[in-house]
Amino acid sequence: MTEAVDDELIASAAAVLNPLVLGDRSSGTVACTLLTVAGNRYSGVCIDVPCGMGFCAEHAAIAAMVTAGEFEIEKIVAVWRDDKGSLYVLSPCGRCREFMYRVHPDNLHAQVVLGPGTSVPLQDLLPHMQREAVP
């Protein structure tokens, strides 16, 4: 059953891939779909610009989730397609991992899909994070 859900999320993310390159900017080269604990799905794509103002697909999907009033992720996946058409599942970058946690601390238990039938809790990708303030 988990593999079927993973496959659906991967297909959903792949469906919103829409790469567009405009000079030194690109968008839609990576796409993300997440499933909330309430059972809703949200998707987004990356926007890359030649300065630090762009954002990852995970940020876009999470923003859509928060806009809808939800904060807790059940599962999340990001995908990218190469020039030959092969689809790859991507692990979230460190910024995205931290962002997921900061949106809601229970997201430490969110399953990050690393491939069909393969997922790990976000907390496994943030193994040395500081969870309490040091006095």
Protein backbone atom coordinates (compact mmCIF):
# COMPACT_ATOMS: atom_id res chain seq x y z
CA MET A 1 0.00 0.00 0.00
CA THR A 2 2.84 2.42 0.82
CA GLU A 3 4.39 1.82 -2.58
CA ALA A 4 1.05 2.60 -4.26
CA VAL A 5 0.81 5.92 -2.37
CA ASP A 6 4.45 6.69 -3.22
CA ASP A 7 3.77 5.95 -6.90
CA GLU A 8 0.70 8.24 -6.86
CA LEU A 9 2.66 11.08 -5.25
CA ILE A 10 5.55 10.63 -7.68
CA ALA A 11 3.11 10.68 -10.63
CA SER A 12 1.35 13.75 -9.21
CA ALA A 13 4.64 15.62 -8.88
CA ALA A 14 5.74 14.53 -12.36
CA ALA A 15 2.45 15.85 -13.78
CA VAL A 16 3.25 19.42 -12.68
CA LEU A 17 6.81 19.42 -14.04
CA ASN A 18 6.83 22.19 -16.62
CA PRO A 19 10.40 23.33 -17.25
CA LEU A 20 10.71 26.80 -18.66
CA VAL A 21 14.03 28.56 -19.16
CA LEU A 22 14.06 32.31 -19.72
CA GLY A 23 17.61 33.59 -20.10
CA ASP A 24 19.37 33.00 -16.78
CA ARG A 25 16.14 32.02 -14.99
CA SER A 26 14.28 28.75 -14.91
CA SER A 27 11.14 27.45 -13.33
CA GLY A 28 9.33 24.17 -13.10
CA THR A 29 12.45 22.01 -13.44
CA VAL A 30 11.73 20.35 -10.07
CA ALA A 31 8.22 19.58 -8.84
CA CYS A 32 6.89 18.45 -5.49
CA THR A 33 3.68 16.92 -4.20
CA LEU A 34 2.88 16.45 -0.55
CA LEU A 35 0.12 14.62 1.26
CA THR A 36 -1.15 16.14 4.50
CA VAL A 37 -2.25 14.25 7.60
CA ALA A 38 -5.79 15.35 6.66
CA GLY A 39 -5.41 13.52 3.31
CA ASN A 40 -5.11 16.54 1.02
CA ARG A 41 -2.48 16.95 -1.68
CA TYR A 42 -0.60 20.08 -2.64
CA SER A 43 1.94 20.57 -5.41
CA GLY A 44 4.48 23.18 -6.39
CA VAL A 45 7.45 23.82 -8.62
CA CYS A 46 10.81 25.49 -8.13
CA ILE A 47 11.77 28.93 -9.36
CA ASP A 48 15.49 29.45 -9.90
CA VAL A 49 16.89 32.94 -10.42
CA PRO A 50 20.53 34.08 -10.57
CA CYS A 51 20.43 35.39 -7.01
CA GLY A 52 19.31 33.85 -3.72
CA MET A 53 15.66 34.87 -4.11
CA GLY A 54 14.34 31.71 -5.79
CA PHE A 55 12.74 28.81 -4.00
CA CYS A 56 12.48 25.05 -4.12
CA ALA A 57 9.46 23.04 -5.24
CA GLU A 58 8.98 21.85 -1.65
CA HIS A 59 8.62 25.47 -0.51
CA ALA A 60 5.95 26.09 -3.16
CA ALA A 61 3.96 22.97 -2.20
CA ILE A 62 4.24 23.82 1.51
CA ALA A 63 3.09 27.39 0.80
CA ALA A 64 0.00 26.01 -0.96
CA MET A 65 -0.66 23.76 2.04
CA VAL A 66 -0.32 26.63 4.53
CA THR A 67 -2.50 28.86 2.33
CA ALA A 68 -5.22 26.21 2.67
CA GLY A 69 -4.82 26.27 6.47
CA GLU A 70 -2.87 23.05 6.94
CA PHE A 71 0.57 22.58 8.48
CA GLU A 72 1.22 18.85 8.97
CA ILE A 73 2.79 16.72 6.24
CA GLU A 74 2.19 12.97 6.02
CA LYS A 75 4.39 12.33 2.95
CA ILE A 76 6.35 14.49 0.53
CA VAL A 77 8.23 13.84 -2.71
CA ALA A 78 10.17 15.95 -5.23
CA VAL A 79 11.04 14.91 -8.77
CA TRP A 80 13.20 16.07 -11.67
CA ARG A 81 13.35 14.87 -15.29
CA ASP A 82 16.60 14.82 -17.26
CA ASP A 83 17.02 15.78 -20.92
CA LYS A 84 16.46 12.16 -21.97
CA GLY A 85 13.10 11.98 -20.16
CA SER A 86 14.18 9.85 -17.21
CA LEU A 87 12.39 10.77 -13.98
CA TYR A 88 14.33 11.00 -10.71
CA VAL A 89 13.13 11.31 -7.14
CA LEU A 90 15.15 13.92 -5.25
CA SER A 91 15.90 14.13 -1.56
CA PRO A 92 15.05 17.57 -0.16
CA CYS A 93 17.93 19.97 0.36
CA GLY A 94 18.90 21.04 3.87
CA ARG A 95 16.96 24.29 3.61
CA CYS A 96 13.78 22.37 2.70
CA ARG A 97 14.31 19.85 5.50
CA GLU A 98 14.63 22.63 8.07
CA PHE A 99 11.66 24.50 6.56
CA MET A 100 9.39 21.46 6.88
CA TYR A 101 10.31 21.14 10.54
CA ARG A 102 9.84 24.86 11.23
CA VAL A 103 6.38 24.90 9.63
CA HIS A 104 5.22 22.35 12.24
CA PRO A 105 7.38 20.34 14.66
CA ASP A 106 5.30 17.19 14.06
CA ASN A 107 6.63 17.22 10.51
CA LEU A 108 9.69 15.47 11.96
CA HIS A 109 7.54 12.35 11.50
CA ALA A 110 6.62 13.17 7.89
CA GLN A 111 7.72 10.48 5.45
CA VAL A 112 10.12 11.75 2.78
CA VAL A 113 9.83 9.60 -0.33
CA LEU A 114 13.26 8.69 -1.70
CA GLY A 115 11.95 6.32 -4.40
CA PRO A 116 9.04 3.97 -5.05
CA GLY A 117 8.38 2.10 -1.81
CA THR A 118 11.27 3.85 -0.04
CA SER A 119 10.72 6.62 2.46
CA VAL A 120 12.24 7.81 5.72
CA PRO A 121 10.97 10.13 8.43
CA LEU A 122 12.19 13.69 8.14
CA GLN A 123 13.88 13.34 11.53
CA ASP A 124 16.23 10.76 9.98
CA LEU A 125 17.37 13.42 7.51
CA LEU A 126 17.93 15.90 10.37
CA PRO A 127 19.75 13.58 12.80
CA HIS A 128 21.79 16.17 14.66
CA MET A 129 19.34 19.02 14.84
CA GLN A 130 19.07 21.11 17.95
CA ARG A 131 15.61 20.60 19.40
CA GLU A 132 15.96 22.72 22.53
CA ALA A 133 17.49 26.06 23.27
CA VAL A 134 20.76 25.88 25.16
CA PRO A 135 20.61 27.85 28.43
